[in-house]
PDB file of N, CA and C in Angstrom:
ATOM      1  N   MET A   1      35.599  34.494   1.975  1.00  0.00           N
ATOM      2  CA  MET A   1      34.862  34.150   0.866  1.00  0.00           C
ATOM      3  C   MET A   1      34.762  32.614   0.559  1.00  0.00           C
ATOM      4  N   LYS A   2      35.847  31.964   0.758  1.00  0.00           N
ATOM      5  CA  LYS A   2      35.837  30.493   0.553  1.00  0.00           C
ATOM      6  C   LYS A   2      35.014  29.898   1.472  1.00  0.00           C
ATOM      7  N   GLY A   3      34.854  30.233   2.832  1.00  0.00           N
ATOM      8  CA  GLY A   3      33.905  29.794   3.590  1.00  0.00           C
ATOM      9  C   GLY A   3      32.537  29.695   3.214  1.00  0.00           C
ATOM     10  N   LYS A   4      31.996  30.787   2.560  1.00  0.00           N
ATOM     11  CA  LYS A   4      30.774  30.892   2.110  1.00  0.00           C
ATOM     12  C   LYS A   4      30.568  29.912   0.984  1.00  0.00           C
ATOM     13  N   LYS A   5      31.603  29.683   0.024  1.00  0.00           N
ATOM     14  CA  LYS A   5      31.429  28.868  -1.135  1.00  0.00           C
ATOM     15  C   LYS A   5      31.247  27.477  -0.550  1.00  0.00           C
ATOM     16  N   ILE A   6      31.991  27.014   0.356  1.00  0.00           N
ATOM     17  CA  ILE A   6      32.081  25.672   0.949  1.00  0.00           C
ATOM     18  C   ILE A   6      30.685  25.470   1.507  1.00  0.00           C
ATOM     19  N   PHE A   7      30.152  26.384   2.273  1.00  0.00           N
ATOM     20  CA  PHE A   7      28.918  26.399   2.982  1.00  0.00           C
ATOM     21  C   PHE A   7      27.808  26.072   1.979  1.00  0.00           C
ATOM     22  N   LEU A   8      27.818  26.977   0.856  1.00  0.00           N
ATOM     23  CA  LEU A   8      26.959  26.730  -0.274  1.00  0.00           C
ATOM     24  C   LEU A   8      26.952  25.371  -0.868  1.00  0.00           C
ATOM     25  N   CYS A   9      28.164  24.841  -1.168  1.00  0.00           N
ATOM     26  CA  CYS A   9      28.263  23.561  -1.637  1.00  0.00           C
ATOM     27  C   CYS A   9      27.776  22.504  -0.734  1.00  0.00           C
ATOM     28  N   LEU A  10      27.954  22.641   0.561  1.00  0.00           N
ATOM     29  CA  LEU A  10      27.516  21.606   1.475  1.00  0.00           C
ATOM     30  C   LEU A  10      26.043  21.716   1.516  1.00  0.00           C
ATOM     31  N   SER A  11      25.500  22.906   1.409  1.00  0.00           N
ATOM     32  CA  SER A  11      24.047  23.094   1.457  1.00  0.00           C
ATOM     33  C   SER A  11      23.279  22.503   0.259  1.00  0.00           C
ATOM     34  N   VAL A  12      23.942  22.716  -0.916  1.00  0.00           N
ATOM     35  CA  VAL A  12      23.335  22.010  -1.979  1.00  0.00           C
ATOM     36  C   VAL A  12      23.522  20.494  -2.085  1.00  0.00           C
ATOM     37  N   ALA A  13      24.603  20.011  -1.582  1.00  0.00           N
ATOM     38  CA  ALA A  13      24.829  18.635  -1.420  1.00  0.00           C
ATOM     39  C   ALA A  13      23.905  18.005  -0.332  1.00  0.00           C
ATOM     40  N   ALA A  14      23.630  18.657   0.661  1.00  0.00           N
ATOM     41  CA  ALA A  14      22.742  18.190   1.725  1.00  0.00           C
ATOM     42  C   ALA A  14      21.432  18.106   1.151  1.00  0.00           C
ATOM     43  N   VAL A  15      20.934  19.180   0.427  1.00  0.00           N
ATOM     44  CA  VAL A  15      19.531  19.078  -0.144  1.00  0.00           C
ATOM     45  C   VAL A  15      19.494  18.037  -1.168  1.00  0.00           C
ATOM     46  N   SER A  16      20.594  17.898  -1.952  1.00  0.00           N
ATOM     47  CA  SER A  16      20.447  16.846  -3.028  1.00  0.00           C
ATOM     48  C   SER A  16      20.314  15.396  -2.478  1.00  0.00           C
ATOM     49  N   ALA A  17      21.189  15.278  -1.327  1.00  0.00           N
ATOM     50  CA  ALA A  17      21.260  13.946  -0.704  1.00  0.00           C
ATOM     51  C   ALA A  17      19.740  13.681  -0.069  1.00  0.00           C
ATOM     52  N   SER A  18      19.150  14.656   0.543  1.00  0.00           N
ATOM     53  CA  SER A  18      17.819  14.398   1.205  1.00  0.00           C
ATOM     54  C   SER A  18      16.832  14.243   0.126  1.00  0.00           C
ATOM     55  N   ALA A  19      16.844  14.893  -1.013  1.00  0.00           N
ATOM     56  CA  ALA A  19      15.970  14.569  -2.164  1.00  0.00           C
ATOM     57  C   ALA A  19      16.145  13.159  -2.663  1.00  0.00           C
ATOM     58  N   ILE A  20      17.386  12.816  -2.873  1.00  0.00           N
ATOM     59  CA  ILE A  20      17.614  11.482  -3.303  1.00  0.00           C
ATOM     60  C   ILE A  20      17.034  10.360  -2.419  1.00  0.00           C
ATOM     61  N   GLY A  21      17.291  10.699  -1.095  1.00  0.00           N
ATOM     62  CA  GLY A  21      16.839   9.695  -0.131  1.00  0.00           C
ATOM     63  C   GLY A  21      15.388   9.707  -0.170  1.00  0.00           C
ATOM     64  N   PHE A  22      14.622  10.777  -0.332  1.00  0.00           N
ATOM     65  CA  PHE A  22      13.244  10.932  -0.478  1.00  0.00           C
ATOM     66  C   PHE A  22      12.524  10.087  -1.448  1.00  0.00           C
ATOM     67  N   PHE A  23      13.212  10.187  -2.671  1.00  0.00           N
ATOM     68  CA  PHE A  23      12.702   9.291  -3.886  1.00  0.00           C
ATOM     69  C   PHE A  23      13.021   7.960  -3.793  1.00  0.00           C
ATOM     70  N   THR A  24      14.138   7.538  -3.085  1.00  0.00           N
ATOM     71  CA  THR A  24      14.359   6.071  -3.051  1.00  0.00           C
ATOM     72  C   THR A  24      13.957   5.420  -1.906  1.00  0.00           C
ATOM     73  N   ARG A  25      13.505   6.129  -0.877  1.00  0.00           N
ATOM     74  CA  ARG A  25      12.924   5.634   0.440  1.00  0.00           C
ATOM     75  C   ARG A  25      11.827   4.705   0.152  1.00  0.00           C
ATOM     76  N   PRO A  26      10.693   5.002  -0.539  1.00  0.00           N
ATOM     77  CA  PRO A  26       9.532   4.253  -0.657  1.00  0.00           C
ATOM     78  C   PRO A  26       9.842   2.914  -1.191  1.00  0.00           C
ATOM     79  N   ALA A  27      10.701   2.628  -2.244  1.00  0.00           N
ATOM     80  CA  ALA A  27      10.986   1.363  -2.717  1.00  0.00           C
ATOM     81  C   ALA A  27      11.706   0.419  -1.714  1.00  0.00           C
ATOM     82  N   THR A  28      12.476   1.181  -1.015  1.00  0.00           N
ATOM     83  CA  THR A  28      13.321   0.372   0.235  1.00  0.00           C
ATOM     84  C   THR A  28      12.284  -0.035   1.175  1.00  0.00           C
ATOM     85  N   VAL A  29      11.459   0.852   1.592  1.00  0.00           N
ATOM     86  CA  VAL A  29      10.525   0.485   2.605  1.00  0.00           C
ATOM     87  C   VAL A  29       9.690  -0.732   2.060  1.00  0.00           C
ATOM     88  N   GLN A  30       9.056  -0.602   0.909  1.00  0.00           N
ATOM     89  CA  GLN A  30       8.207  -1.641   0.442  1.00  0.00           C
ATOM     90  C   GLN A  30       9.035  -3.042   0.315  1.00  0.00           C
ATOM     91  N   ALA A  31      10.305  -2.957  -0.026  1.00  0.00           N
ATOM     92  CA  ALA A  31      11.072  -4.202  -0.273  1.00  0.00           C
ATOM     93  C   ALA A  31      11.441  -4.795   1.039  1.00  0.00           C
ATOM     94  N   GLY A  32      11.912  -3.996   2.013  1.00  0.00           N
ATOM     95  CA  GLY A  32      12.552  -4.536   3.212  1.00  0.00           C
ATOM     96  C   GLY A  32      11.726  -4.445   4.432  1.00  0.00           C
ATOM     97  N   GLU A  33      10.740  -3.606   4.576  1.00  0.00           N
ATOM     98  CA  GLU A  33       9.918  -3.385   5.802  1.00  0.00           C
ATOM     99  C   GLU A  33       8.648  -4.190   5.806  1.00  0.00           C
ATOM    100  N   SER A  34       8.336  -4.888   6.754  1.00  0.00           N
ATOM    101  CA  SER A  34       7.060  -5.602   6.906  1.00  0.00           C
ATOM    102  C   SER A  34       5.991  -4.636   7.324  1.00  0.00           C
ATOM    103  N   VAL A  35       4.848  -4.664   6.732  1.00  0.00           N
ATOM    104  CA  VAL A  35       3.837  -3.736   7.063  1.00  0.00           C
ATOM    105  C   VAL A  35       2.770  -4.653   7.928  1.00  0.00           C
ATOM    106  N   THR A  36       2.373  -3.951   8.914  1.00  0.00           N
ATOM    107  CA  THR A  36       1.360  -4.569   9.784  1.00  0.00           C
ATOM    108  C   THR A  36      -0.065  -4.665   9.084  1.00  0.00           C
ATOM    109  N   ARG A  37      -0.617  -5.880   9.088  1.00  0.00           N
ATOM    110  CA  ARG A  37      -2.014  -5.940   8.393  1.00  0.00           C
ATOM    111  C   ARG A  37      -2.842  -6.606   9.503  1.00  0.00           C
ATOM    112  N   PRO A  38      -3.997  -6.075   9.528  1.00  0.00           N
ATOM    113  CA  PRO A  38      -4.986  -6.694  10.649  1.00  0.00           C
ATOM    114  C   PRO A  38      -5.443  -8.035  10.195  1.00  0.00           C
ATOM    115  N   THR A  39      -5.808  -8.967  11.116  1.00  0.00           N
ATOM    116  CA  THR A  39      -6.307 -10.282  10.667  1.00  0.00           C
ATOM    117  C   THR A  39      -7.694 -10.279  11.043  1.00  0.00           C
ATOM    118  N   ILE A  40      -8.212  -9.360  12.063  1.00  0.00           N
ATOM    119  CA  ILE A  40      -9.755  -9.208  12.097  1.00  0.00           C
ATOM    120  C   ILE A  40      -9.964  -7.627  12.128  1.00  0.00           C
ATOM    121  N   ALA A  41     -10.986  -7.257  11.314  1.00  0.00           N
ATOM    122  CA  ALA A  41     -11.245  -5.827  11.338  1.00  0.00           C
ATOM    123  C   ALA A  41     -12.669  -5.608  10.667  1.00  0.00           C
ATOM    124  N   THR A  42     -13.184  -4.389  10.649  1.00  0.00           N
ATOM    125  CA  THR A  42     -14.419  -3.970  10.115  1.00  0.00           C
ATOM    126  C   THR A  42     -14.053  -3.359   8.781  1.00  0.00           C
ATOM    127  N   VAL A  43     -14.781  -3.817   7.762  1.00  0.00           N
ATOM    128  CA  VAL A  43     -14.597  -3.125   6.414  1.00  0.00           C
ATOM    129  C   VAL A  43     -15.347  -1.788   6.223  1.00  0.00           C
ATOM    130  N   LYS A  44     -14.760  -0.745   6.019  1.00  0.00           N
ATOM    131  CA  LYS A  44     -15.344   0.632   5.830  1.00  0.00           C
ATOM    132  C   LYS A  44     -15.508   1.028   4.394  1.00  0.00           C
ATOM    133  N   LYS A  45     -14.639   0.546   3.478  1.00  0.00           N
ATOM    134  CA  LYS A  45     -14.726   1.078   2.237  1.00  0.00           C
ATOM    135  C   LYS A  45     -14.121   0.040   1.227  1.00  0.00           C
ATOM    136  N   MET A  46     -14.652  -0.223   0.110  1.00  0.00           N
ATOM    137  CA  MET A  46     -14.010  -1.087  -0.993  1.00  0.00           C
ATOM    138  C   MET A  46     -14.171  -0.255  -2.213  1.00  0.00           C
ATOM    139  N   SER A  47     -13.053  -0.413  -3.118  1.00  0.00           N
ATOM    140  CA  SER A  47     -13.266   0.182  -4.414  1.00  0.00           C
ATOM    141  C   SER A  47     -12.233  -0.438  -5.479  1.00  0.00           C
ATOM    142  N   ASN A  48     -12.680  -0.754  -6.615  1.00  0.00           N
ATOM    143  CA  ASN A  48     -11.948  -1.303  -7.632  1.00  0.00           C
ATOM    144  C   ASN A  48     -10.906  -0.266  -8.080  1.00  0.00           C
ATOM    145  N   GLY A  49      -9.682  -0.568  -8.324  1.00  0.00           N
ATOM    146  CA  GLY A  49      -8.727   0.275  -8.908  1.00  0.00           C
ATOM    147  C   GLY A  49      -8.234  -0.357 -10.215  1.00  0.00           C
ATOM    148  N   ASP A  50      -7.203   0.316 -10.833  1.00  0.00           N
ATOM    149  CA  ASP A  50      -6.641  -0.235 -12.138  1.00  0.00           C
ATOM    150  C   ASP A  50      -5.920  -1.474 -11.891  1.00  0.00           C
ATOM    151  N   LEU A  51      -5.235  -1.528 -10.723  1.00  0.00           N
ATOM    152  CA  LEU A  51      -4.312  -2.784 -10.634  1.00  0.00           C
ATOM    153  C   LEU A  51      -4.789  -3.842  -9.521  1.00  0.00           C
ATOM    154  N   MET A  52      -5.768  -3.395  -8.624  1.00  0.00           N
ATOM    155  CA  MET A  52      -6.224  -4.275  -7.635  1.00  0.00           C
ATOM    156  C   MET A  52      -7.387  -3.585  -6.884  1.00  0.00           C
ATOM    157  N   CYS A  53      -8.090  -4.351  -6.102  1.00  0.00           N
ATOM    158  CA  CYS A  53      -9.105  -3.820  -5.297  1.00  0.00           C
ATOM    159  C   CYS A  53      -8.405  -3.102  -4.059  1.00  0.00           C
ATOM    160  N   TYR A  54      -9.074  -1.955  -3.444  1.00  0.00           N
ATOM    161  CA  TYR A  54      -8.426  -1.340  -2.489  1.00  0.00           C
ATOM    162  C   TYR A  54      -9.557  -1.365  -1.274  1.00  0.00           C
ATOM    163  N   VAL A  55      -9.097  -1.632  -0.106  1.00  0.00           N
ATOM    164  CA  VAL A  55     -10.043  -1.839   1.104  1.00  0.00           C
ATOM    165  C   VAL A  55      -9.378  -0.903   2.303  1.00  0.00           C
ATOM    166  N   THR A  56     -10.477  -0.287   2.842  1.00  0.00           N
ATOM    167  CA  THR A  56     -10.130   0.398   4.203  1.00  0.00           C
ATOM    168  C   THR A  56     -10.812  -0.310   5.173  1.00  0.00           C
ATOM    169  N   LEU A  57      -9.916  -0.597   6.303  1.00  0.00           N
ATOM    170  CA  LEU A  57     -10.534  -1.381   7.409  1.00  0.00           C
ATOM    171  C   LEU A  57     -10.169  -0.600   8.642  1.00  0.00           C
ATOM    172  N   VAL A  58     -10.905  -1.028   9.754  1.00  0.00           N
ATOM    173  CA  VAL A  58     -10.744  -0.392  11.122  1.00  0.00           C
ATOM    174  C   VAL A  58     -10.719  -1.630  12.022  1.00  0.00           C
ATOM    175  N   ASP A  59      -9.668  -1.734  12.863  1.00  0.00           N
ATOM    176  CA  ASP A  59      -9.560  -2.926  13.793  1.00  0.00           C
ATOM    177  C   ASP A  59     -10.166  -2.433  15.027  1.00  0.00           C
ATOM    178  N   ALA A  60     -10.040  -3.456  16.137  1.00  0.00           N
ATOM    179  CA  ALA A  60     -10.798  -3.344  17.388  1.00  0.00           C
ATOM    180  C   ALA A  60     -10.089  -2.121  18.234  1.00  0.00           C
ATOM    181  N   LYS A  61      -8.950  -1.653  17.953  1.00  0.00           N
ATOM    182  CA  LYS A  61      -8.380  -0.489  18.607  1.00  0.00           C
ATOM    183  C   LYS A  61      -8.605   0.772  17.841  1.00  0.00           C
ATOM    184  N   ARG A  62      -9.479   0.693  16.871  1.00  0.00           N
ATOM    185  CA  ARG A  62      -9.915   1.897  16.009  1.00  0.00           C
ATOM    186  C   ARG A  62      -8.764   2.445  15.125  1.00  0.00           C
ATOM    187  N   LYS A  63      -7.832   1.558  14.918  1.00  0.00           N
ATOM    188  CA  LYS A  63      -6.660   1.980  13.872  1.00  0.00           C
ATOM    189  C   LYS A  63      -7.367   1.807  12.490  1.00  0.00           C
ATOM    190  N   VAL A  64      -7.017   2.785  11.673  1.00  0.00           N
ATOM    191  CA  VAL A  64      -7.692   2.707  10.268  1.00  0.00           C
ATOM    192  C   VAL A  64      -6.489   2.216   9.376  1.00  0.00           C
ATOM    193  N   TYR A  65      -6.815   1.286   8.378  1.00  0.00           N
ATOM    194  CA  TYR A  65      -5.877   0.738   7.405  1.00  0.00           C
ATOM    195  C   TYR A  65      -6.555   1.202   6.131  1.00  0.00           C
ATOM    196  N   GLU A  66      -5.902   2.113   5.453  1.00  0.00           N
ATOM    197  CA  GLU A  66      -6.423   2.592   4.247  1.00  0.00           C
ATOM    198  C   GLU A  66      -5.644   2.203   3.019  1.00  0.00           C
ATOM    199  N   GLY A  67      -6.462   1.744   2.042  1.00  0.00           N
ATOM    200  CA  GLY A  67      -5.780   1.329   0.627  1.00  0.00           C
ATOM    201  C   GLY A  67      -5.063   0.047   0.862  1.00  0.00           C
ATOM    202  N   LEU A  68      -5.450  -0.821   1.545  1.00  0.00           N
ATOM    203  CA  LEU A  68      -4.869  -2.266   1.534  1.00  0.00           C
ATOM    204  C   LEU A  68      -5.445  -2.929   0.230  1.00  0.00           C
ATOM    205  N   GLY A  69      -4.391  -3.642  -0.410  1.00  0.00           N
ATOM    206  CA  GLY A  69      -4.747  -4.254  -1.703  1.00  0.00           C
ATOM    207  C   GLY A  69      -5.474  -5.607  -1.554  1.00  0.00           C
ATOM    208  N   ALA A  70      -6.295  -5.925  -2.258  1.00  0.00           N
ATOM    209  CA  ALA A  70      -7.152  -7.103  -2.156  1.00  0.00           C
ATOM    210  C   ALA A  70      -7.419  -7.591  -3.676  1.00  0.00           C
ATOM    211  N   SER A  71      -7.649  -8.808  -3.812  1.00  0.00           N
ATOM    212  CA  SER A  71      -7.954  -9.340  -5.106  1.00  0.00           C
ATOM    213  C   SER A  71      -9.318  -8.721  -5.579  1.00  0.00           C
ATOM    214  N   PHE A  72      -9.496  -8.779  -6.814  1.00  0.00           N
ATOM    215  CA  PHE A  72     -10.773  -8.145  -7.422  1.00  0.00           C
ATOM    216  C   PHE A  72     -11.936  -8.805  -7.060  1.00  0.00           C
ATOM    217  N   GLU A  73     -11.786 -10.188  -6.832  1.00  0.00           N
ATOM    218  CA  GLU A  73     -12.931 -10.890  -6.334  1.00  0.00           C
ATOM    219  C   GLU A  73     -13.447 -10.493  -4.988  1.00  0.00           C
ATOM    220  N   ILE A  74     -12.654  -9.871  -4.137  1.00  0.00           N
ATOM    221  CA  ILE A  74     -13.180  -9.428  -2.878  1.00  0.00           C
ATOM    222  C   ILE A  74     -14.082  -8.072  -3.190  1.00  0.00           C
ATOM    223  N   CYS A  75     -13.736  -7.250  -4.057  1.00  0.00           N
ATOM    224  CA  CYS A  75     -14.671  -6.177  -4.409  1.00  0.00           C
ATOM    225  C   CYS A  75     -15.761  -6.474  -5.010  1.00  0.00           C
ATOM    226  N   GLU A  76     -15.875  -7.511  -5.691  1.00  0.00           N
ATOM    227  CA  GLU A  76     -17.145  -8.043  -6.270  1.00  0.00           C
ATOM    228  C   GLU A  76     -18.206  -8.299  -5.341  1.00  0.00           C
ATOM    229  N   LYS A  77     -17.699  -8.457  -4.063  1.00  0.00           N
ATOM    230  CA  LYS A  77     -18.715  -8.938  -2.981  1.00  0.00           C
ATOM    231  C   LYS A  77     -18.831  -7.705  -1.995  1.00  0.00           C
ATOM    232  N   GLU A  78     -18.717  -6.433  -2.496  1.00  0.00           N
ATOM    233  CA  GLU A  78     -18.743  -5.330  -1.590  1.00  0.00           C
ATOM    234  C   GLU A  78     -20.011  -5.229  -0.620  1.00  0.00           C
ATOM    235  N   LYS A  79     -21.118  -5.601  -1.208  1.00  0.00           N
ATOM    236  CA  LYS A  79     -22.468  -5.522  -0.445  1.00  0.00           C
ATOM    237  C   LYS A  79     -22.391  -6.538   0.634  1.00  0.00           C
ATOM    238  N   THR A  80     -21.707  -7.646   0.404  1.00  0.00           N
ATOM    239  CA  THR A  80     -21.616  -8.702   1.559  1.00  0.00           C
ATOM    240  C   THR A  80     -20.790  -8.275   2.683  1.00  0.00           C
ATOM    241  N   TYR A  81     -19.656  -7.567   2.458  1.00  0.00           N
ATOM    242  CA  TYR A  81     -18.649  -7.286   3.330  1.00  0.00           C
ATOM    243  C   TYR A  81     -18.734  -5.921   4.021  1.00  0.00           C
ATOM    244  N   LEU A  82     -19.235  -4.921   3.255  1.00  0.00           N
ATOM    245  CA  LEU A  82     -19.164  -3.553   3.781  1.00  0.00           C
ATOM    246  C   LEU A  82     -19.856  -3.419   5.138  1.00  0.00           C
ATOM    247  N   ASN A  83     -19.135  -2.757   5.999  1.00  0.00           N
ATOM    248  CA  ASN A  83     -19.592  -2.473   7.392  1.00  0.00           C
ATOM    249  C   ASN A  83     -19.635  -3.853   8.133  1.00  0.00           C
ATOM    250  N   LYS A  84     -19.102  -4.870   7.803  1.00  0.00           N
ATOM    251  CA  LYS A  84     -19.159  -6.113   8.688  1.00  0.00           C
ATOM    252  C   LYS A  84     -17.777  -6.444   9.233  1.00  0.00           C
ATOM    253  N   LYS A  85     -17.715  -7.078  10.243  1.00  0.00           N
ATOM    254  CA  LYS A  85     -16.455  -7.532  10.916  1.00  0.00           C
ATOM    255  C   LYS A  85     -16.026  -8.824  10.230  1.00  0.00           C
ATOM    256  N   VAL A  86     -14.851  -8.834   9.854  1.00  0.00           N
ATOM    257  CA  VAL A  86     -14.362  -9.922   9.011  1.00  0.00           C
ATOM    258  C   VAL A  86     -12.959 -10.486   9.517  1.00  0.00           C
ATOM    259  N   ARG A  87     -12.650 -11.749   9.313  1.00  0.00           N
ATOM    260  CA  ARG A  87     -11.453 -12.372   9.463  1.00  0.00           C
ATOM    261  C   ARG A  87     -10.722 -12.384   8.073  1.00  0.00           C
ATOM    262  N   LEU A  88      -9.528 -11.833   7.949  1.00  0.00           N
ATOM    263  CA  LEU A  88      -8.841 -11.624   6.909  1.00  0.00           C
ATOM    264  C   LEU A  88      -7.761 -12.642   6.592  1.00  0.00           C
ATOM    265  N   SER A  89      -7.680 -13.121   5.200  1.00  0.00           N
ATOM    266  CA  SER A  89      -6.559 -13.995   4.835  1.00  0.00           C
ATOM    267  C   SER A  89      -5.766 -13.325   3.760  1.00  0.00           C
ATOM    268  N   TYR A  90      -4.398 -13.362   3.795  1.00  0.00           N
ATOM    269  CA  TYR A  90      -3.558 -12.773   2.856  1.00  0.00           C
ATOM    270  C   TYR A  90      -2.672 -13.644   2.173  1.00  0.00           C
ATOM    271  N   GLN A  91      -2.380 -13.378   0.879  1.00  0.00           N
ATOM    272  CA  GLN A  91      -1.377 -14.120   0.113  1.00  0.00           C
ATOM    273  C   GLN A  91      -0.663 -13.130  -0.844  1.00  0.00           C
ATOM    274  N   LYS A  92       0.591 -13.410  -1.117  1.00  0.00           N
ATOM    275  CA  LYS A  92       1.378 -12.735  -2.035  1.00  0.00           C
ATOM    276  C   LYS A  92       0.922 -13.065  -3.512  1.00  0.00           C
ATOM    277  N   GLY A  93       0.760 -12.065  -4.206  1.00  0.00           N
ATOM    278  CA  GLY A  93       0.349 -12.158  -5.610  1.00  0.00           C
ATOM    279  C   GLY A  93       0.855 -11.179  -6.639  1.00  0.00           C
ATOM    280  N   ARG A  94       0.844 -11.378  -7.885  1.00  0.00           N
ATOM    281  CA  ARG A  94       1.424 -10.555  -8.913  1.00  0.00           C
ATOM    282  C   ARG A  94       0.332  -9.663  -9.372  1.00  0.00           C
ATOM    283  N   VAL A  95       0.635  -8.348  -9.405  1.00  0.00           N
ATOM    284  CA  VAL A  95      -0.263  -7.332  -9.955  1.00  0.00           C
ATOM    285  C   VAL A  95       0.631  -6.610 -11.058  1.00  0.00           C
ATOM    286  N   ASN A  96      -0.130  -6.105 -11.943  1.00  0.00           N
ATOM    287  CA  ASN A  96       0.509  -5.292 -13.134  1.00  0.00           C
ATOM    288  C   ASN A  96       1.206  -4.093 -12.489  1.00  0.00           C
ATOM    289  N   ASP A  97       2.378  -3.778 -13.003  1.00  0.00           N
ATOM    290  CA  ASP A  97       3.131  -2.712 -12.732  1.00  0.00           C
ATOM    291  C   ASP A  97       3.300  -1.749 -13.720  1.00  0.00           C
ATOM    292  N   CYS A  98       2.206  -1.166 -14.242  1.00  0.00           N
ATOM    293  CA  CYS A  98       2.112  -0.228 -15.348  1.00  0.00           C
ATOM    294  C   CYS A  98       1.522   1.172 -14.926  1.00  0.00           C
ATOM    295  N   GLN A  99       1.787   2.101 -15.898  1.00  0.00           N
ATOM    296  CA  GLN A  99       1.169   3.377 -15.664  1.00  0.00           C
ATOM    297  C   GLN A  99      -0.357   3.544 -15.896  1.00  0.00           C
ATOM    298  N   SER A 100      -0.879   2.536 -16.586  1.00  0.00           N
ATOM    299  CA  SER A 100      -2.302   2.514 -16.813  1.00  0.00           C
ATOM    300  C   SER A 100      -2.851   1.177 -16.639  1.00  0.00           C
ATOM    301  N   ALA A 101      -4.151   0.913 -16.944  1.00  0.00           N
ATOM    302  CA  ALA A 101      -4.773  -0.322 -16.769  1.00  0.00           C
ATOM    303  C   ALA A 101      -4.339  -1.312 -18.005  1.00  0.00           C
ATOM    304  N   GLU A 102      -3.747  -0.685 -18.992  1.00  0.00           N
ATOM    305  CA  GLU A 102      -3.416  -1.535 -20.227  1.00  0.00           C
ATOM    306  C   GLU A 102      -2.174  -2.370 -19.735  1.00  0.00           C
ATOM    307  N   PRO A 103      -2.202  -3.772 -20.153  1.00  0.00           N
ATOM    308  CA  PRO A 103      -1.031  -4.626 -19.855  1.00  0.00           C
ATOM    309  C   PRO A 103       0.226  -4.143 -20.443  1.00  0.00           C
ATOM    310  N   CYS A 104       1.284  -4.142 -19.628  1.00  0.00           N
ATOM    311  CA  CYS A 104       2.541  -3.710 -20.218  1.00  0.00           C
ATOM    312  C   CYS A 104       3.593  -4.718 -20.059  1.00  0.00           C
ATOM    313  N   GLY A 105       3.233  -5.884 -19.589  1.00  0.00           N
ATOM    314  CA  GLY A 105       4.218  -7.135 -19.385  1.00  0.00           C
ATOM    315  C   GLY A 105       5.103  -6.941 -18.093  1.00  0.00           C
ATOM    316  N   LYS A 106       4.922  -5.786 -17.250  1.00  0.00           N
ATOM    317  CA  LYS A 106       5.658  -5.856 -16.052  1.00  0.00           C
ATOM    318  C   LYS A 106       4.686  -6.016 -14.856  1.00  0.00           C
ATOM    319  N   THR A 107       5.152  -6.809 -14.009  1.00  0.00           N
ATOM    320  CA  THR A 107       4.324  -7.166 -12.807  1.00  0.00           C
ATOM    321  C   THR A 107       5.150  -6.826 -11.480  1.00  0.00           C
ATOM    322  N   ARG A 108       4.599  -6.716 -10.344  1.00  0.00           N
ATOM    323  CA  ARG A 108       5.215  -6.696  -9.130  1.00  0.00           C
ATOM    324  C   ARG A 108       4.462  -7.461  -8.068  1.00  0.00           C
ATOM    325  N   ILE A 109       5.099  -7.942  -6.994  1.00  0.00           N
ATOM    326  CA  ILE A 109       4.465  -8.906  -6.037  1.00  0.00           C
ATOM    327  C   ILE A 109       3.935  -7.889  -4.998  1.00  0.00           C
ATOM    328  N   GLU A 110       2.813  -8.152  -4.465  1.00  0.00           N
ATOM    329  CA  GLU A 110       2.018  -7.520  -3.486  1.00  0.00           C
ATOM    330  C   GLU A 110       1.273  -8.419  -2.660  1.00  0.00           C
ATOM    331  N   THR A 111       1.269  -8.065  -1.312  1.00  0.00           N
ATOM    332  CA  THR A 111       0.546  -8.982  -0.403  1.00  0.00           C
ATOM    333  C   THR A 111      -0.960  -8.483  -0.466  1.00  0.00           C
ATOM    334  N   LEU A 112      -1.771  -9.261  -0.817  1.00  0.00           N
ATOM    335  CA  LEU A 112      -3.204  -9.047  -1.073  1.00  0.00           C
ATOM    336  C   LEU A 112      -4.196  -9.801  -0.196  1.00  0.00           C
ATOM    337  N   ILE A 113      -5.259  -9.117   0.174  1.00  0.00           N
ATOM    338  CA  ILE A 113      -6.287  -9.780   0.885  1.00  0.00           C
ATOM    339  C   ILE A 113      -6.933 -10.775  -0.102  1.00  0.00           C
ATOM    340  N   THR A 114      -7.011 -11.974   0.211  1.00  0.00           N
ATOM    341  CA  THR A 114      -7.551 -13.012  -0.829  1.00  0.00           C
ATOM    342  C   THR A 114      -8.857 -13.707  -0.292  1.00  0.00           C
ATOM    343  N   LYS A 115      -9.005 -13.363   1.066  1.00  0.00           N
ATOM    344  CA  LYS A 115     -10.245 -14.145   1.716  1.00  0.00           C
ATOM    345  C   LYS A 115     -10.786 -13.246   2.788  1.00  0.00           C
ATOM    346  N   MET A 116     -12.166 -13.010   2.864  1.00  0.00           N
ATOM    347  CA  MET A 116     -12.752 -12.451   3.974  1.00  0.00           C
ATOM    348  C   MET A 116     -13.829 -13.449   4.480  1.00  0.00           C
ATOM    349  N   GLN A 117     -13.927 -13.655   5.795  1.00  0.00           N
ATOM    350  CA  GLN A 117     -14.997 -14.384   6.436  1.00  0.00           C
ATOM    351  C   GLN A 117     -15.611 -13.581   7.511  1.00  0.00           C
ATOM    352  N   ILE A 118     -16.920 -13.412   7.337  1.00  0.00           N
ATOM    353  CA  ILE A 118     -17.672 -12.548   8.218  1.00  0.00           C
ATOM    354  C   ILE A 118     -17.699 -13.283   9.622  1.00  0.00           C
ATOM    355  N   ILE A 119     -17.537 -12.509  10.719  1.00  0.00           N
ATOM    356  CA  ILE A 119     -17.575 -12.891  12.052  1.00  0.00           C
ATOM    357  C   ILE A 119     -18.919 -12.369  12.737  1.00  0.00           C
ATOM    358  N   ARG A 120     -19.618 -13.155  13.257  1.00  0.00           N
ATOM    359  CA  ARG A 120     -20.846 -12.650  14.024  1.00  0.00           C
ATOM    360  C   ARG A 120     -20.462 -12.265  15.382  1.00  0.00           C
TER     361      ARG A 120
END
């Protein structure tokens, strides 16, 4: 009987530990792991979000990069860049860290596409 109780406690502890790891992992990955971003790619999609512009790119090896952050100025030129091969420049910048588009006084640092140059 005691063996079953111990097994049950370990199972609950293991599930709890994995759930905690699941919820804390994204913040750890964002803070400590560098994300590969292409320097040359074709622009497939652009859309303005609440916090930043979001861009989908495809590189020369056909790897798709979805939802990369960009400055709002990039999305303003969607017709210029859509389906074009571009050279990309990135910079770290502050974006709102709120649940809505309304300012809440909190920001976070994100690496954003700040410049696109069309390659012929």
